[in-house]
Amino acid sequence: MTIICKEEELILNKERSIYWAAQKMLIISDLHIGKSAHFRKHGIQVPSGVGEGDLQRLARLIDLYDPQTLLITGDMFHHKSNSEVAVFSEWRKEFSQLRFQLIKGNHDQLRPVEYASLNIELIQKELICAPFRFIHEKPESTDTTYTISGHIHPGVTLYGKARQRLNFPCFYFGENNAILPAFSAFTGLSRIQPQKNDRFYAITPSGVVAV
């Protein structure tokens, strides 16, 4: 689905990404590489292969759009170095010419030297790319720059005619800010209290749907 935000054309993909063609930029949030490994380490049973599946989805998006830059608005890595970070390191070699920019999120705890070794440009707070400001967590105050963030894993509930209730991740676009869905398939969902003129785009198995 293609939308217009601040006079810019953005492509919302059902694989939980935005492609900003004018900047040749693929944008995702909350990849959480290593989350399943971290849970298993603490005795919580989590299906193996979740992280690799997310990387396969990301590879398909890179092949589809052929971006110059991959921008991740925080929480690329869930914890410190682990086996899934090593898997990513090998995966990264397939896209060695692609610029990776990471806005540091609350879960991004690797050492600076480790980000450098993975060929990732670490941004400590925010990236201004007019008309947008990319940041991990939505700031309390707003200005003339439209903010795009992640962090809370937004979701919506859709109701069927027979009282079915289905929960889906979504893209949220408000008056002053947008919030991206978590890219990782292994995340929960948070509800956003809608305000007037807010736009929600549910990510369903068949595609992105305005709700």
N, C-alpha and C. Protein backbone atom coordinates (compact mmCIF):
# COMPACT_ATOMS: atom_id res chain seq x y z
N MET A 1 0.84 -1.19 0.00
CA MET A 1 0.00 0.00 0.00
C MET A 1 0.88 1.24 0.00
N THR A 2 0.52 2.20 -0.84
CA THR A 2 1.26 3.45 -0.91
C THR A 2 0.43 4.57 -0.29
N ILE A 3 1.05 5.34 0.60
CA ILE A 3 0.38 6.47 1.23
C ILE A 3 1.23 7.72 1.03
N ILE A 4 0.61 8.87 1.29
CA ILE A 4 1.32 10.14 1.26
C ILE A 4 1.39 10.69 2.68
N CYS A 5 2.59 11.00 3.12
CA CYS A 5 2.79 11.58 4.45
C CYS A 5 3.76 12.75 4.29
N LYS A 6 3.32 13.91 4.70
CA LYS A 6 4.12 15.14 4.57
C LYS A 6 4.62 15.31 3.13
N GLU A 7 3.72 15.02 2.20
CA GLU A 7 3.98 15.16 0.77
C GLU A 7 5.05 14.20 0.25
N GLU A 8 5.36 13.18 1.04
CA GLU A 8 6.30 12.15 0.62
C GLU A 8 5.55 10.84 0.40
N GLU A 9 5.93 10.11 -0.62
CA GLU A 9 5.31 8.83 -0.93
C GLU A 9 6.02 7.72 -0.17
N LEU A 10 5.25 6.98 0.62
CA LEU A 10 5.78 5.88 1.41
C LEU A 10 5.04 4.59 1.06
N ILE A 11 5.79 3.53 0.87
CA ILE A 11 5.20 2.23 0.56
C ILE A 11 5.19 1.39 1.83
N LEU A 12 4.00 1.02 2.27
CA LEU A 12 3.85 0.17 3.46
C LEU A 12 3.75 -1.28 2.99
N ASN A 13 4.66 -2.11 3.46
CA ASN A 13 4.72 -3.50 3.03
C ASN A 13 4.19 -4.41 4.14
N LYS A 14 3.50 -5.47 3.78
CA LYS A 14 2.94 -6.39 4.78
C LYS A 14 4.02 -7.11 5.57
N GLU A 15 5.27 -7.03 5.10
CA GLU A 15 6.37 -7.60 5.89
C GLU A 15 6.88 -6.62 6.93
N ARG A 16 6.06 -5.60 7.24
CA ARG A 16 6.31 -4.68 8.35
C ARG A 16 7.45 -3.71 8.07
N SER A 17 7.49 -3.20 6.87
CA SER A 17 8.52 -2.24 6.50
C SER A 17 7.90 -1.06 5.77
N ILE A 18 8.67 0.03 5.70
CA ILE A 18 8.33 1.17 4.86
C ILE A 18 9.46 1.34 3.86
N TYR A 19 9.09 1.58 2.60
CA TYR A 19 10.11 1.95 1.61
C TYR A 19 9.86 3.38 1.18
N TRP A 20 10.86 4.22 1.37
CA TRP A 20 10.82 5.63 0.98
C TRP A 20 11.64 5.75 -0.30
N ALA A 21 10.94 5.67 -1.42
CA ALA A 21 11.61 5.58 -2.72
C ALA A 21 12.46 6.80 -3.03
N ALA A 22 12.00 7.99 -2.63
CA ALA A 22 12.73 9.22 -2.94
C ALA A 22 14.14 9.21 -2.34
N GLN A 23 14.29 8.52 -1.22
CA GLN A 23 15.60 8.43 -0.56
C GLN A 23 16.25 7.06 -0.75
N LYS A 24 15.57 6.18 -1.47
CA LYS A 24 16.04 4.80 -1.65
C LYS A 24 16.36 4.17 -0.29
N MET A 25 15.42 4.35 0.63
CA MET A 25 15.61 3.93 2.02
C MET A 25 14.54 2.93 2.44
N LEU A 26 14.97 1.78 2.95
CA LEU A 26 14.09 0.79 3.55
C LEU A 26 14.13 1.00 5.06
N ILE A 27 12.95 1.10 5.68
CA ILE A 27 12.86 1.47 7.09
C ILE A 27 12.10 0.39 7.86
N ILE A 28 12.71 -0.11 8.92
CA ILE A 28 12.06 -1.07 9.80
C ILE A 28 12.36 -0.68 11.25
N SER A 29 11.71 -1.39 12.18
CA SER A 29 11.97 -1.14 13.59
C SER A 29 11.87 -2.45 14.36
N ASP A 30 12.57 -2.52 15.48
CA ASP A 30 12.42 -3.62 16.44
C ASP A 30 12.60 -4.99 15.80
N LEU A 31 13.79 -5.20 15.26
CA LEU A 31 14.14 -6.49 14.69
C LEU A 31 14.41 -7.53 15.78
N HIS A 32 14.96 -7.09 16.89
CA HIS A 32 15.16 -7.94 18.08
C HIS A 32 15.92 -9.22 17.79
N ILE A 33 17.03 -9.10 17.06
CA ILE A 33 17.89 -10.25 16.85
C ILE A 33 18.43 -10.73 18.19
N GLY A 34 18.30 -12.02 18.46
CA GLY A 34 18.79 -12.59 19.71
C GLY A 34 17.75 -12.71 20.81
N LYS A 35 16.53 -12.25 20.55
CA LYS A 35 15.50 -12.31 21.59
C LYS A 35 15.15 -13.75 21.93
N SER A 36 14.95 -14.59 20.91
CA SER A 36 14.59 -15.98 21.20
C SER A 36 15.73 -16.70 21.89
N ALA A 37 16.98 -16.43 21.49
CA ALA A 37 18.14 -17.05 22.14
C ALA A 37 18.23 -16.60 23.60
N HIS A 38 17.94 -15.33 23.84
CA HIS A 38 17.98 -14.80 25.20
C HIS A 38 16.93 -15.48 26.08
N PHE A 39 15.73 -15.70 25.54
CA PHE A 39 14.69 -16.37 26.31
C PHE A 39 15.05 -17.82 26.58
N ARG A 40 15.58 -18.51 25.58
CA ARG A 40 15.94 -19.91 25.78
C ARG A 40 17.04 -20.04 26.83
N LYS A 41 17.95 -19.09 26.84
CA LYS A 41 19.03 -19.11 27.83
C LYS A 41 18.48 -19.05 29.24
N HIS A 42 17.33 -18.41 29.42
CA HIS A 42 16.72 -18.28 30.74
C HIS A 42 15.60 -19.29 30.97
N GLY A 43 15.62 -20.36 30.18
CA GLY A 43 14.70 -21.47 30.42
C GLY A 43 13.31 -21.31 29.88
N ILE A 44 13.09 -20.30 29.04
CA ILE A 44 11.77 -20.09 28.46
C ILE A 44 11.76 -20.70 27.06
N GLN A 45 10.86 -21.65 26.84
CA GLN A 45 10.82 -22.36 25.57
C GLN A 45 10.28 -21.46 24.45
N VAL A 46 11.13 -21.22 23.47
CA VAL A 46 10.78 -20.38 22.32
C VAL A 46 11.17 -21.15 21.07
N PRO A 47 10.33 -21.17 20.03
CA PRO A 47 10.69 -21.89 18.81
C PRO A 47 12.02 -21.41 18.24
N SER A 48 12.87 -22.35 17.85
CA SER A 48 14.14 -21.98 17.23
C SER A 48 13.89 -21.52 15.80
N GLY A 49 14.80 -20.75 15.26
CA GLY A 49 14.69 -20.30 13.88
C GLY A 49 13.90 -19.03 13.69
N VAL A 50 13.37 -18.44 14.79
CA VAL A 50 12.59 -17.21 14.65
C VAL A 50 13.45 -16.09 14.07
N GLY A 51 14.65 -15.92 14.62
CA GLY A 51 15.54 -14.86 14.15
C GLY A 51 15.95 -15.06 12.71
N GLU A 52 16.25 -16.30 12.34
CA GLU A 52 16.64 -16.57 10.96
C GLU A 52 15.49 -16.30 10.00
N GLY A 53 14.28 -16.61 10.43
CA GLY A 53 13.11 -16.33 9.60
C GLY A 53 12.95 -14.84 9.36
N ASP A 54 13.19 -14.04 10.40
CA ASP A 54 13.10 -12.58 10.24
C ASP A 54 14.15 -12.09 9.25
N LEU A 55 15.36 -12.64 9.31
CA LEU A 55 16.41 -12.22 8.39
C LEU A 55 16.09 -12.64 6.95
N GLN A 56 15.44 -13.77 6.78
CA GLN A 56 15.02 -14.19 5.44
C GLN A 56 13.99 -13.22 4.88
N ARG A 57 13.04 -12.79 5.72
CA ARG A 57 12.05 -11.80 5.28
C ARG A 57 12.73 -10.49 4.90
N LEU A 58 13.70 -10.09 5.70
CA LEU A 58 14.41 -8.84 5.43
C LEU A 58 15.20 -8.95 4.12
N ALA A 59 15.80 -10.08 3.87
CA ALA A 59 16.54 -10.28 2.63
C ALA A 59 15.63 -10.15 1.42
N ARG A 60 14.42 -10.69 1.52
CA ARG A 60 13.48 -10.58 0.41
C ARG A 60 13.08 -9.12 0.15
N LEU A 61 12.93 -8.34 1.22
CA LEU A 61 12.61 -6.93 1.06
C LEU A 61 13.76 -6.17 0.39
N ILE A 62 14.98 -6.49 0.77
CA ILE A 62 16.15 -5.85 0.16
C ILE A 62 16.22 -6.20 -1.32
N ASP A 63 15.95 -7.45 -1.65
CA ASP A 63 15.95 -7.86 -3.05
C ASP A 63 14.82 -7.17 -3.82
N LEU A 64 13.68 -6.96 -3.17
CA LEU A 64 12.52 -6.35 -3.82
C LEU A 64 12.76 -4.88 -4.14
N TYR A 65 13.25 -4.12 -3.17
CA TYR A 65 13.35 -2.67 -3.34
C TYR A 65 14.74 -2.18 -3.76
N ASP A 66 15.76 -3.00 -3.52
CA ASP A 66 17.14 -2.62 -3.85
C ASP A 66 17.48 -1.26 -3.27
N PRO A 67 17.34 -1.08 -1.94
CA PRO A 67 17.60 0.23 -1.33
C PRO A 67 19.10 0.52 -1.25
N GLN A 68 19.41 1.79 -1.07
CA GLN A 68 20.79 2.18 -0.78
C GLN A 68 21.07 2.14 0.71
N THR A 69 20.00 2.36 1.50
CA THR A 69 20.13 2.42 2.96
C THR A 69 19.05 1.57 3.62
N LEU A 70 19.45 0.83 4.64
CA LEU A 70 18.50 0.18 5.54
C LEU A 70 18.58 0.94 6.86
N LEU A 71 17.46 1.55 7.26
CA LEU A 71 17.40 2.29 8.51
C LEU A 71 16.55 1.51 9.50
N ILE A 72 17.10 1.27 10.67
CA ILE A 72 16.39 0.55 11.72
C ILE A 72 16.20 1.50 12.89
N THR A 73 14.94 1.76 13.24
CA THR A 73 14.66 2.75 14.29
C THR A 73 14.67 2.11 15.67
N GLY A 74 15.76 1.43 15.98
CA GLY A 74 15.95 0.92 17.33
C GLY A 74 15.63 -0.54 17.55
N ASP A 75 16.30 -1.10 18.57
CA ASP A 75 16.12 -2.49 18.99
C ASP A 75 16.38 -3.48 17.86
N MET A 76 17.51 -3.27 17.21
CA MET A 76 17.95 -4.25 16.22
C MET A 76 18.39 -5.53 16.92
N PHE A 77 19.12 -5.37 18.00
CA PHE A 77 19.58 -6.50 18.79
C PHE A 77 18.89 -6.48 20.15
N HIS A 78 18.43 -7.65 20.58
CA HIS A 78 17.66 -7.70 21.82
C HIS A 78 18.53 -7.65 23.06
N HIS A 79 19.74 -8.16 22.97
CA HIS A 79 20.58 -8.23 24.16
C HIS A 79 22.03 -8.22 23.70
N LYS A 80 22.91 -8.69 24.52
CA LYS A 80 24.33 -8.72 24.19
C LYS A 80 24.62 -9.85 23.20
N SER A 81 25.88 -9.97 22.81
CA SER A 81 26.27 -10.94 21.79
C SER A 81 25.78 -12.34 22.13
N ASN A 82 25.28 -13.04 21.12
CA ASN A 82 24.82 -14.41 21.30
C ASN A 82 24.86 -15.10 19.95
N SER A 83 24.36 -16.31 19.88
CA SER A 83 24.44 -17.11 18.66
C SER A 83 23.72 -16.45 17.49
N GLU A 84 22.61 -15.76 17.75
CA GLU A 84 21.87 -15.15 16.66
C GLU A 84 22.59 -13.92 16.09
N VAL A 85 23.38 -13.25 16.92
CA VAL A 85 24.20 -12.15 16.41
C VAL A 85 25.25 -12.70 15.46
N ALA A 86 25.77 -13.89 15.77
CA ALA A 86 26.74 -14.53 14.88
C ALA A 86 26.09 -14.90 13.55
N VAL A 87 24.85 -15.35 13.60
CA VAL A 87 24.11 -15.67 12.37
C VAL A 87 23.93 -14.40 11.54
N PHE A 88 23.58 -13.30 12.20
CA PHE A 88 23.43 -12.03 11.49
C PHE A 88 24.74 -11.62 10.83
N SER A 89 25.85 -11.82 11.52
CA SER A 89 27.14 -11.44 10.98
C SER A 89 27.40 -12.11 9.64
N GLU A 90 27.06 -13.39 9.53
CA GLU A 90 27.22 -14.10 8.26
C GLU A 90 26.22 -13.59 7.23
N TRP A 91 24.99 -13.34 7.66
CA TRP A 91 23.94 -12.83 6.77
C TRP A 91 24.34 -11.47 6.21
N ARG A 92 24.94 -10.64 7.03
CA ARG A 92 25.32 -9.28 6.64
C ARG A 92 26.27 -9.28 5.46
N LYS A 93 27.09 -10.30 5.34
CA LYS A 93 28.08 -10.35 4.27
C LYS A 93 27.42 -10.41 2.89
N GLU A 94 26.18 -10.89 2.83
CA GLU A 94 25.47 -10.96 1.56
C GLU A 94 25.07 -9.57 1.07
N PHE A 95 25.04 -8.60 1.99
CA PHE A 95 24.61 -7.24 1.64
C PHE A 95 25.68 -6.24 2.08
N SER A 96 26.91 -6.56 1.77
CA SER A 96 28.03 -5.76 2.26
C SER A 96 28.04 -4.33 1.70
N GLN A 97 27.40 -4.11 0.53
CA GLN A 97 27.38 -2.78 -0.06
C GLN A 97 26.22 -1.92 0.45
N LEU A 98 25.31 -2.52 1.19
CA LEU A 98 24.14 -1.80 1.68
C LEU A 98 24.50 -1.03 2.96
N ARG A 99 24.13 0.23 3.01
CA ARG A 99 24.38 1.03 4.20
C ARG A 99 23.37 0.67 5.28
N PHE A 100 23.87 0.27 6.44
CA PHE A 100 23.02 -0.05 7.58
C PHE A 100 23.14 1.08 8.60
N GLN A 101 22.02 1.71 8.92
CA GLN A 101 22.00 2.73 9.97
C GLN A 101 21.07 2.27 11.08
N LEU A 102 21.54 2.31 12.29
CA LEU A 102 20.76 1.90 13.46
C LEU A 102 20.66 3.04 14.46
N ILE A 103 19.44 3.45 14.75
CA ILE A 103 19.19 4.39 15.84
C ILE A 103 19.12 3.56 17.12
N LYS A 104 19.97 3.84 18.06
CA LYS A 104 20.10 2.98 19.23
C LYS A 104 18.81 2.94 20.04
N GLY A 105 18.35 1.72 20.32
CA GLY A 105 17.16 1.51 21.13
C GLY A 105 17.53 1.03 22.52
N ASN A 106 16.54 0.85 23.36
CA ASN A 106 16.80 0.47 24.75
C ASN A 106 17.38 -0.94 24.88
N HIS A 107 17.16 -1.79 23.87
CA HIS A 107 17.71 -3.15 23.93
C HIS A 107 19.05 -3.29 23.23
N ASP A 108 19.50 -2.26 22.55
CA ASP A 108 20.75 -2.35 21.78
C ASP A 108 21.94 -2.15 22.72
N GLN A 109 22.54 -3.28 23.13
CA GLN A 109 23.57 -3.24 24.18
C GLN A 109 24.93 -3.75 23.71
N LEU A 110 25.12 -3.91 22.42
CA LEU A 110 26.44 -4.31 21.95
C LEU A 110 27.43 -3.17 22.16
N ARG A 111 28.70 -3.51 22.20
CA ARG A 111 29.74 -2.50 22.32
C ARG A 111 29.94 -1.80 20.98
N PRO A 112 30.38 -0.54 20.98
CA PRO A 112 30.60 0.18 19.72
C PRO A 112 31.47 -0.59 18.74
N VAL A 113 32.49 -1.26 19.24
CA VAL A 113 33.38 -2.01 18.36
C VAL A 113 32.65 -3.16 17.68
N GLU A 114 31.64 -3.71 18.35
CA GLU A 114 30.87 -4.80 17.75
C GLU A 114 29.98 -4.30 16.62
N TYR A 115 29.36 -3.13 16.80
CA TYR A 115 28.58 -2.55 15.71
C TYR A 115 29.47 -2.26 14.51
N ALA A 116 30.65 -1.74 14.78
CA ALA A 116 31.59 -1.43 13.70
C ALA A 116 31.99 -2.70 12.95
N SER A 117 32.21 -3.79 13.69
CA SER A 117 32.61 -5.04 13.05
C SER A 117 31.50 -5.61 12.17
N LEU A 118 30.25 -5.25 12.48
CA LEU A 118 29.10 -5.70 11.69
C LEU A 118 28.76 -4.73 10.56
N ASN A 119 29.58 -3.70 10.41
CA ASN A 119 29.39 -2.68 9.37
C ASN A 119 28.04 -1.97 9.55
N ILE A 120 27.77 -1.59 10.79
CA ILE A 120 26.54 -0.88 11.14
C ILE A 120 26.90 0.51 11.66
N GLU A 121 26.28 1.52 11.10
CA GLU A 121 26.47 2.90 11.56
C GLU A 121 25.51 3.15 12.72
N LEU A 122 26.04 3.35 13.90
CA LEU A 122 25.22 3.53 15.10
C LEU A 122 24.93 5.00 15.31
N ILE A 123 23.63 5.33 15.45
CA ILE A 123 23.17 6.69 15.71
C ILE A 123 22.62 6.73 17.13
N GLN A 124 23.17 7.55 17.96
CA GLN A 124 22.85 7.50 19.38
C GLN A 124 21.43 7.93 19.72
N LYS A 125 20.90 8.94 19.05
CA LYS A 125 19.59 9.45 19.46
C LYS A 125 18.58 9.49 18.32
N GLU A 126 18.85 10.24 17.27
CA GLU A 126 17.87 10.44 16.22
C GLU A 126 18.54 10.78 14.91
N LEU A 127 17.78 10.60 13.82
CA LEU A 127 18.26 10.95 12.50
C LEU A 127 17.24 11.89 11.86
N ILE A 128 17.69 13.07 11.46
CA ILE A 128 16.83 14.03 10.78
C ILE A 128 17.04 13.87 9.28
N CYS A 129 15.97 13.56 8.60
CA CYS A 129 15.99 13.45 7.14
C CYS A 129 14.68 14.08 6.67
N ALA A 130 14.72 15.38 6.43
CA ALA A 130 13.51 16.17 6.20
C ALA A 130 12.62 15.52 5.14
N PRO A 131 11.31 15.51 5.43
CA PRO A 131 10.58 16.17 6.52
C PRO A 131 10.42 15.30 7.78
N PHE A 132 11.24 14.23 7.90
CA PHE A 132 11.03 13.28 8.99
C PHE A 132 12.17 13.32 10.02
N ARG A 133 11.80 12.99 11.24
CA ARG A 133 12.77 12.74 12.30
C ARG A 133 12.60 11.29 12.74
N PHE A 134 13.63 10.48 12.59
CA PHE A 134 13.56 9.08 12.98
C PHE A 134 14.19 8.91 14.36
N ILE A 135 13.48 8.22 15.24
CA ILE A 135 13.91 8.05 16.62
C ILE A 135 13.32 6.75 17.15
N HIS A 136 13.89 6.19 18.21
CA HIS A 136 13.36 4.91 18.69
C HIS A 136 12.04 5.08 19.44
N GLU A 137 12.03 5.96 20.42
CA GLU A 137 10.83 6.19 21.22
C GLU A 137 10.23 7.55 20.88
N LYS A 138 8.92 7.58 20.77
CA LYS A 138 8.23 8.83 20.49
C LYS A 138 8.56 9.86 21.57
N PRO A 139 9.03 11.05 21.19
CA PRO A 139 9.35 12.08 22.19
C PRO A 139 8.09 12.69 22.79
N GLU A 140 8.23 13.25 23.99
CA GLU A 140 7.07 13.85 24.66
C GLU A 140 6.62 15.12 23.98
N SER A 141 7.55 15.89 23.43
CA SER A 141 7.21 17.14 22.77
C SER A 141 7.38 16.99 21.26
N THR A 142 6.67 17.78 20.50
CA THR A 142 6.75 17.73 19.04
C THR A 142 7.16 19.09 18.49
N ASP A 143 7.65 19.07 17.26
CA ASP A 143 7.98 20.32 16.57
C ASP A 143 7.48 20.20 15.14
N THR A 144 8.05 20.97 14.24
CA THR A 144 7.56 20.96 12.86
C THR A 144 8.01 19.72 12.10
N THR A 145 8.97 18.98 12.65
CA THR A 145 9.45 17.77 12.00
C THR A 145 8.54 16.60 12.37
N TYR A 146 8.14 15.83 11.38
CA TYR A 146 7.26 14.68 11.61
C TYR A 146 8.10 13.51 12.10
N THR A 147 7.73 12.96 13.25
CA THR A 147 8.51 11.92 13.90
C THR A 147 8.04 10.53 13.48
N ILE A 148 9.00 9.66 13.18
CA ILE A 148 8.72 8.25 12.91
C ILE A 148 9.53 7.43 13.89
N SER A 149 8.84 6.61 14.68
CA SER A 149 9.49 5.85 15.74
C SER A 149 9.01 4.39 15.73
N GLY A 150 9.48 3.65 16.72
CA GLY A 150 9.08 2.26 16.90
C GLY A 150 8.77 2.01 18.36
N HIS A 151 9.41 0.99 18.93
CA HIS A 151 9.45 0.72 20.36
C HIS A 151 8.20 0.04 20.95
N ILE A 152 7.00 0.52 20.64
CA ILE A 152 5.84 0.00 21.38
C ILE A 152 5.10 -1.13 20.67
N HIS A 153 5.50 -1.48 19.44
CA HIS A 153 4.89 -2.60 18.71
C HIS A 153 3.37 -2.42 18.57
N PRO A 154 2.93 -1.42 17.82
CA PRO A 154 1.49 -1.12 17.75
C PRO A 154 0.68 -2.24 17.09
N GLY A 155 -0.57 -2.38 17.57
CA GLY A 155 -1.48 -3.37 17.01
C GLY A 155 -2.91 -2.86 17.03
N VAL A 156 -3.76 -3.47 16.21
CA VAL A 156 -5.17 -3.13 16.17
C VAL A 156 -6.00 -4.41 16.25
N THR A 157 -7.24 -4.26 16.67
CA THR A 157 -8.18 -5.38 16.74
C THR A 157 -9.27 -5.16 15.71
N LEU A 158 -9.48 -6.15 14.86
CA LEU A 158 -10.54 -6.10 13.86
C LEU A 158 -11.63 -7.09 14.25
N TYR A 159 -12.89 -6.68 14.04
CA TYR A 159 -14.04 -7.49 14.44
C TYR A 159 -14.79 -7.97 13.20
N GLY A 160 -15.15 -9.26 13.19
CA GLY A 160 -15.92 -9.83 12.11
C GLY A 160 -17.40 -9.81 12.39
N LYS A 161 -18.19 -10.22 11.39
CA LYS A 161 -19.64 -10.20 11.51
C LYS A 161 -20.15 -11.18 12.56
N ALA A 162 -19.42 -12.25 12.77
CA ALA A 162 -19.84 -13.26 13.75
C ALA A 162 -19.13 -13.08 15.08
N ARG A 163 -18.81 -11.84 15.39
CA ARG A 163 -18.14 -11.48 16.65
C ARG A 163 -16.72 -12.03 16.75
N GLN A 164 -16.13 -12.37 15.61
CA GLN A 164 -14.73 -12.76 15.66
C GLN A 164 -13.89 -11.53 16.01
N ARG A 165 -12.82 -11.79 16.72
CA ARG A 165 -11.91 -10.70 17.09
C ARG A 165 -10.50 -11.13 16.76
N LEU A 166 -9.86 -10.42 15.84
CA LEU A 166 -8.52 -10.76 15.40
C LEU A 166 -7.58 -9.59 15.65
N ASN A 167 -6.40 -9.89 16.17
CA ASN A 167 -5.40 -8.88 16.46
C ASN A 167 -4.32 -8.89 15.38
N PHE A 168 -3.95 -7.71 14.92
CA PHE A 168 -2.93 -7.60 13.88
C PHE A 168 -1.94 -6.49 14.24
N PRO A 169 -0.66 -6.67 13.88
CA PRO A 169 0.26 -5.53 13.97
C PRO A 169 -0.18 -4.46 12.99
N CYS A 170 0.26 -3.24 13.21
CA CYS A 170 -0.19 -2.16 12.33
C CYS A 170 0.84 -1.04 12.23
N PHE A 171 0.67 -0.24 11.19
CA PHE A 171 1.34 1.05 11.07
C PHE A 171 0.39 2.10 11.63
N TYR A 172 0.92 3.02 12.42
CA TYR A 172 0.12 4.11 12.98
C TYR A 172 0.66 5.43 12.45
N PHE A 173 -0.24 6.28 11.93
CA PHE A 173 0.13 7.61 11.47
C PHE A 173 -0.80 8.63 12.12
N GLY A 174 -0.24 9.41 13.05
CA GLY A 174 -0.99 10.46 13.71
C GLY A 174 -0.69 11.81 13.09
N GLU A 175 -1.15 12.86 13.74
CA GLU A 175 -0.96 14.21 13.21
C GLU A 175 0.50 14.61 13.17
N ASN A 176 1.26 14.24 14.22
CA ASN A 176 2.64 14.68 14.33
C ASN A 176 3.66 13.55 14.32
N ASN A 177 3.19 12.32 14.37
CA ASN A 177 4.15 11.22 14.44
C ASN A 177 3.55 9.92 13.90
N ALA A 178 4.43 9.04 13.49
CA ALA A 178 4.06 7.70 13.06
C ALA A 178 4.82 6.69 13.92
N ILE A 179 4.23 5.50 14.07
CA ILE A 179 4.88 4.43 14.82
C ILE A 179 4.88 3.18 13.96
N LEU A 180 6.05 2.59 13.81
CA LEU A 180 6.21 1.41 12.98
C LEU A 180 5.87 0.14 13.76
N PRO A 181 5.37 -0.88 13.06
CA PRO A 181 5.20 -2.18 13.71
C PRO A 181 6.56 -2.81 13.99
N ALA A 182 6.62 -3.71 14.94
CA ALA A 182 7.85 -4.46 15.17
C ALA A 182 8.09 -5.37 13.98
N PHE A 183 9.31 -5.38 13.48
CA PHE A 183 9.62 -6.25 12.34
C PHE A 183 9.66 -7.71 12.78
N SER A 184 10.16 -7.97 13.96
CA SER A 184 10.27 -9.35 14.43
C SER A 184 8.89 -9.98 14.59
N ALA A 185 8.79 -11.24 14.19
CA ALA A 185 7.54 -11.97 14.36
C ALA A 185 7.33 -12.38 15.81
N PHE A 186 8.37 -12.29 16.63
CA PHE A 186 8.31 -12.74 18.02
C PHE A 186 8.18 -11.53 18.95
N THR A 187 7.04 -10.85 18.86
CA THR A 187 6.78 -9.68 19.71
C THR A 187 5.30 -9.62 20.04
N GLY A 188 4.98 -8.92 21.12
CA GLY A 188 3.59 -8.68 21.47
C GLY A 188 3.08 -7.43 20.77
N LEU A 189 1.83 -7.05 21.10
CA LEU A 189 1.22 -5.88 20.49
C LEU A 189 0.72 -4.93 21.56
N SER A 190 0.81 -3.64 21.27
CA SER A 190 0.29 -2.60 22.16
C SER A 190 -0.79 -1.81 21.44
N ARG A 191 -1.83 -1.46 22.17
CA ARG A 191 -2.92 -0.69 21.59
C ARG A 191 -2.64 0.81 21.75
N ILE A 192 -3.00 1.59 20.74
CA ILE A 192 -2.87 3.04 20.77
C ILE A 192 -4.26 3.65 20.83
N GLN A 193 -4.47 4.55 21.78
CA GLN A 193 -5.75 5.22 21.88
C GLN A 193 -5.88 6.19 20.72
N PRO A 194 -6.82 5.95 19.80
CA PRO A 194 -6.89 6.80 18.60
C PRO A 194 -7.36 8.22 18.90
N GLN A 195 -6.78 9.15 18.15
CA GLN A 195 -7.19 10.54 18.21
C GLN A 195 -7.83 10.91 16.86
N LYS A 196 -8.47 12.06 16.79
CA LYS A 196 -9.11 12.49 15.57
C LYS A 196 -8.11 12.56 14.42
N ASN A 197 -8.50 12.02 13.28
CA ASN A 197 -7.71 12.01 12.05
C ASN A 197 -6.52 11.06 12.07
N ASP A 198 -6.38 10.24 13.12
CA ASP A 198 -5.33 9.22 13.12
C ASP A 198 -5.63 8.18 12.05
N ARG A 199 -4.56 7.63 11.49
CA ARG A 199 -4.70 6.58 10.47
C ARG A 199 -4.01 5.31 10.96
N PHE A 200 -4.72 4.20 10.83
CA PHE A 200 -4.18 2.89 11.19
C PHE A 200 -4.20 2.00 9.96
N TYR A 201 -3.12 1.26 9.75
CA TYR A 201 -3.03 0.34 8.63
C TYR A 201 -2.68 -1.05 9.18
N ALA A 202 -3.67 -1.93 9.20
CA ALA A 202 -3.47 -3.27 9.76
C ALA A 202 -2.68 -4.13 8.78
N ILE A 203 -1.80 -4.96 9.33
CA ILE A 203 -1.00 -5.89 8.53
C ILE A 203 -1.64 -7.27 8.64
N THR A 204 -2.35 -7.65 7.63
CA THR A 204 -3.06 -8.93 7.60
C THR A 204 -2.29 -9.91 6.71
N PRO A 205 -2.63 -11.19 6.77
CA PRO A 205 -1.93 -12.16 5.90
C PRO A 205 -2.02 -11.83 4.42
N SER A 206 -3.09 -11.14 4.02
CA SER A 206 -3.27 -10.83 2.60
C SER A 206 -2.69 -9.49 2.18
N GLY A 207 -2.33 -8.66 3.14
CA GLY A 207 -1.76 -7.36 2.79
C GLY A 207 -2.02 -6.31 3.84
N VAL A 208 -1.67 -5.06 3.52
CA VAL A 208 -1.87 -3.92 4.42
C VAL A 208 -3.22 -3.31 4.10
N VAL A 209 -4.03 -3.10 5.17
CA VAL A 209 -5.40 -2.64 5.01
C VAL A 209 -5.63 -1.41 5.88
N ALA A 210 -6.19 -0.35 5.32
CA ALA A 210 -6.58 0.82 6.10
C ALA A 210 -7.79 0.49 6.94
N VAL A 211 -7.75 0.86 8.23
CA VAL A 211 -8.88 0.55 9.13
C VAL A 211 -9.32 1.83 9.85
